[in-house]
Amino acid sequence: MLAFGLSACGDMDGASEESPEMGDAEETMESTDEGMETAGENFGPGCADVPEDGDGSFEGMAQDPVATAASNNPLLSTLVSAVEEADLVDTLNSAEDITVFAPANDAFEAIPQEDLDALMADQEQLTEVLTYHVVEGRHSPEDLAEGTFTSLQGEDVTTSGSGEEFTVNDESQVVCGNVQTANATVYIVDTVLMPS
């Protein structure tokens, strides 16, 4: 994947020297998008709630780094508020090749309001919780069949499942999987994962 990205960048450099090749660069970018789509489709019941077009759509999110992409998706507005509160926007946007288990708004609503308010007010604890949802590398659904990944927080996150049904840490269901952003693969989950 990385080698392909580098060759695409090479094509763009060539395009900047001679403008007639600009069409080639656009075709290269289109074929890259098609390649991402054929690498695996989005799946899960929650995908129906993702906007069909615009910045928050699957196509729109694929153009932006992960924190920016999430900020355009109405399913993830509480997560985005938490990421901003923890001052992690730049960290996530500048990370290369990560996988994010992103709690949907419903996941945060399941936490008692008093506990959620306390978590949002404690930047250190909030950072621990949020970085526990992020692992290195872009992981395909196949990787999640029986996966153990070290989170940026330091503890392991486990995944299991097959087809279009996956769980994280044996408790959280993936409700919309294989969402691509410019620097991450995102799995929207129905539970806020808590490190031990």
Protein backbone atom coordinates (compact mmCIF):
# COMPACT_ATOMS: atom_id res chain seq x y z
CA MET A 1 0.00 0.00 0.00
CA LEU A 2 2.81 2.39 0.93
CA ALA A 3 4.77 1.64 -2.23
CA PHE A 4 1.65 2.36 -4.30
CA GLY A 5 1.18 5.67 -2.48
CA LEU A 6 4.78 6.64 -3.22
CA SER A 7 4.45 5.84 -6.90
CA ALA A 8 1.29 7.95 -7.05
CA CYS A 9 3.24 10.84 -5.52
CA GLY A 10 5.90 10.38 -8.19
CA ASP A 11 3.25 10.75 -10.87
CA MET A 12 2.06 13.96 -9.28
CA ASP A 13 5.61 15.39 -9.27
CA GLY A 14 5.80 14.70 -12.98
CA ALA A 15 2.44 16.41 -13.46
CA SER A 16 3.72 19.60 -11.84
CA GLU A 17 6.54 19.86 -14.40
CA GLU A 18 4.32 19.41 -17.45
CA SER A 19 0.72 20.48 -17.13
CA PRO A 20 -0.65 18.27 -19.96
CA GLU A 21 -0.08 15.27 -17.68
CA MET A 22 -2.50 16.66 -15.11
CA GLY A 23 -5.26 14.47 -16.55
CA ASP A 24 -3.04 11.44 -15.97
CA ALA A 25 -2.58 12.43 -12.33
CA GLU A 26 -6.36 12.73 -11.92
CA GLU A 27 -6.83 9.31 -13.50
CA THR A 28 -4.18 7.91 -11.15
CA MET A 29 -6.06 9.36 -8.19
CA GLU A 30 -9.35 7.93 -9.46
CA SER A 31 -7.80 4.50 -9.88
CA THR A 32 -6.40 4.78 -6.33
CA ASP A 33 -9.92 5.47 -5.05
CA GLU A 34 -11.26 2.50 -7.00
CA GLY A 35 -8.47 0.36 -5.58
CA MET A 36 -9.48 1.36 -2.06
CA GLU A 37 -13.08 0.49 -2.77
CA THR A 38 -12.23 -2.92 -4.19
CA ALA A 39 -10.00 -3.56 -1.16
CA GLY A 40 -13.23 -3.96 0.81
CA GLU A 41 -16.63 -2.38 1.13
CA ASN A 42 -18.13 -0.75 4.18
CA PHE A 43 -20.38 -3.04 6.19
CA GLY A 44 -22.71 -3.06 9.15
CA PRO A 45 -26.15 -1.69 10.06
CA GLY A 46 -24.72 1.67 11.21
CA CYS A 47 -23.43 2.44 7.71
CA ALA A 48 -26.99 3.33 6.68
CA ASP A 49 -26.72 6.41 8.95
CA VAL A 50 -23.60 7.74 7.21
CA PRO A 51 -24.46 10.65 4.85
CA GLU A 52 -24.68 9.61 1.19
CA ASP A 53 -22.71 12.58 -0.07
CA GLY A 54 -20.64 15.51 1.15
CA ASP A 55 -17.67 15.64 3.51
CA GLY A 56 -19.22 13.19 6.00
CA SER A 57 -19.95 10.51 3.36
CA PHE A 58 -17.65 7.51 2.82
CA GLU A 59 -16.17 9.20 -0.24
CA GLY A 60 -15.78 12.52 1.58
CA MET A 61 -14.16 10.93 4.65
CA ALA A 62 -11.61 9.16 2.44
CA GLN A 63 -10.23 12.56 1.39
CA ASP A 64 -9.46 13.83 4.92
CA PRO A 65 -7.23 12.71 7.81
CA VAL A 66 -9.14 10.82 10.48
CA ALA A 67 -10.01 13.55 13.04
CA THR A 68 -11.15 15.92 10.28
CA ALA A 69 -13.08 13.11 8.57
CA ALA A 70 -14.82 12.22 11.84
CA SER A 71 -15.75 15.87 12.44
CA ASN A 72 -17.75 15.78 9.20
CA ASN A 73 -19.68 12.64 10.18
CA PRO A 74 -22.79 13.29 12.35
CA LEU A 75 -22.53 9.77 13.88
CA LEU A 76 -19.25 10.74 15.56
CA SER A 77 -19.95 14.24 16.95
CA THR A 78 -19.50 13.26 20.62
CA LEU A 79 -16.22 11.48 19.83
CA VAL A 80 -15.01 14.58 17.99
CA SER A 81 -15.85 16.75 21.03
CA ALA A 82 -13.87 14.35 23.22
CA VAL A 83 -10.89 14.36 20.83
CA GLU A 84 -10.90 18.17 20.84
CA GLU A 85 -11.21 18.24 24.64
CA ALA A 86 -8.18 15.90 24.94
CA ASP A 87 -6.22 18.01 22.41
CA LEU A 88 -5.67 14.99 20.15
CA VAL A 89 -6.82 16.42 16.79
CA ASP A 90 -3.31 17.09 15.46
CA THR A 91 -1.96 13.83 16.89
CA LEU A 92 -4.59 11.78 15.07
CA ASN A 93 -4.51 13.81 11.85
CA SER A 94 -0.71 13.56 11.56
CA ALA A 95 -0.48 9.84 12.43
CA GLU A 96 0.40 7.52 9.56
CA ASP A 97 -1.54 4.33 8.91
CA ILE A 98 -3.66 3.74 12.01
CA THR A 99 -6.87 1.90 12.77
CA VAL A 100 -9.45 3.65 14.95
CA PHE A 101 -12.29 1.93 16.81
CA ALA A 102 -14.56 5.00 16.88
CA PRO A 103 -17.44 5.00 19.37
CA ALA A 104 -20.68 6.27 17.81
CA ASN A 105 -22.72 8.91 19.64
CA ASP A 106 -24.96 6.13 21.04
CA ALA A 107 -21.91 4.60 22.75
CA PHE A 108 -21.30 7.80 24.71
CA GLU A 109 -25.03 8.14 25.48
CA ALA A 110 -24.87 4.74 27.22
CA ILE A 111 -22.48 6.20 29.82
CA PRO A 112 -24.31 7.85 32.75
CA GLN A 113 -24.20 11.64 32.19
CA GLU A 114 -22.40 12.31 35.49
CA ASP A 115 -19.63 9.84 34.57
CA LEU A 116 -19.34 11.20 31.03
CA ASP A 117 -19.08 14.78 32.32
CA ALA A 118 -16.34 13.71 34.75
CA LEU A 119 -14.44 11.93 31.97
CA MET A 120 -14.69 14.92 29.61
CA ALA A 121 -13.39 17.20 32.40
CA ASP A 122 -10.33 15.01 33.15
CA GLN A 123 -7.99 15.53 30.18
CA GLU A 124 -5.47 12.90 31.34
CA GLN A 125 -8.06 10.16 31.77
CA LEU A 126 -9.85 11.19 28.58
CA THR A 127 -6.57 10.91 26.65
CA GLU A 128 -6.02 7.41 28.10
CA VAL A 129 -9.50 6.31 27.03
CA LEU A 130 -9.30 7.82 23.54
CA THR A 131 -5.80 6.55 22.71
CA TYR A 132 -6.99 3.09 23.78
CA HIS A 133 -9.27 3.18 20.70
CA VAL A 134 -6.33 3.65 18.28
CA VAL A 135 -3.91 0.97 17.07
CA GLU A 136 -0.98 1.14 14.64
CA GLY A 137 -1.41 -0.02 11.05
CA ARG A 138 -4.42 -0.07 8.76
CA HIS A 139 -6.26 -3.29 9.54
CA SER A 140 -8.67 -4.97 7.14
CA PRO A 141 -11.72 -6.91 8.33
CA GLU A 142 -9.69 -10.11 7.78
CA ASP A 143 -7.16 -8.87 10.36
CA LEU A 144 -9.98 -8.52 12.89
CA ALA A 145 -11.02 -12.21 12.68
CA GLU A 146 -8.77 -13.08 15.64
CA GLY A 147 -6.73 -9.99 16.32
CA THR A 148 -4.69 -8.64 19.21
CA PHE A 149 -3.37 -5.12 18.71
CA THR A 150 -1.40 -2.82 21.00
CA SER A 151 -3.20 0.49 21.39
CA LEU A 152 -1.48 3.87 21.43
CA GLN A 153 -2.44 3.93 25.13
CA GLY A 154 -0.26 0.82 25.61
CA GLU A 155 -2.78 -1.90 26.47
CA ASP A 156 -3.99 -4.59 24.07
CA VAL A 157 -7.26 -4.43 22.15
CA THR A 158 -8.67 -7.76 20.95
CA THR A 159 -11.03 -8.39 18.05
CA SER A 160 -12.93 -11.40 16.79
CA GLY A 161 -15.57 -12.25 14.23
CA SER A 162 -16.04 -12.88 10.53
CA GLY A 163 -18.02 -11.71 7.53
CA GLU A 164 -19.74 -8.53 8.63
CA GLU A 165 -19.96 -9.26 12.36
CA PHE A 166 -17.02 -8.29 14.55
CA THR A 167 -16.60 -7.54 18.24
CA VAL A 168 -13.91 -5.58 20.01
CA ASN A 169 -12.81 -6.77 23.48
CA ASP A 170 -15.69 -9.32 23.42
CA GLU A 171 -18.22 -6.58 24.24
CA SER A 172 -18.33 -3.86 21.62
CA GLN A 173 -19.98 -4.51 18.26
CA VAL A 174 -18.68 -2.99 15.03
CA VAL A 175 -21.74 -1.18 13.63
CA CYS A 176 -20.04 0.23 10.53
CA GLY A 177 -16.73 -1.19 9.43
CA ASN A 178 -13.90 -0.60 6.97
CA VAL A 179 -14.44 3.17 6.69
CA GLN A 180 -11.42 4.70 4.95
CA THR A 181 -9.90 8.11 5.71
CA ALA A 182 -6.71 9.59 4.29
CA ASN A 183 -4.58 8.11 7.09
CA ALA A 184 -6.76 5.55 8.87
CA THR A 185 -9.19 2.66 8.64
CA VAL A 186 -12.13 3.29 10.97
CA TYR A 187 -14.50 0.81 12.60
CA ILE A 188 -17.47 2.56 14.22
CA VAL A 189 -18.37 0.70 17.43
CA ASP A 190 -21.34 0.74 19.80
CA THR A 191 -19.39 0.92 23.09
CA VAL A 192 -16.77 3.24 24.54
CA LEU A 193 -13.81 0.93 25.24
CA MET A 194 -12.29 1.36 28.68
CA PRO A 195 -8.66 0.46 29.42
CA SER A 196 -8.19 -1.60 32.58
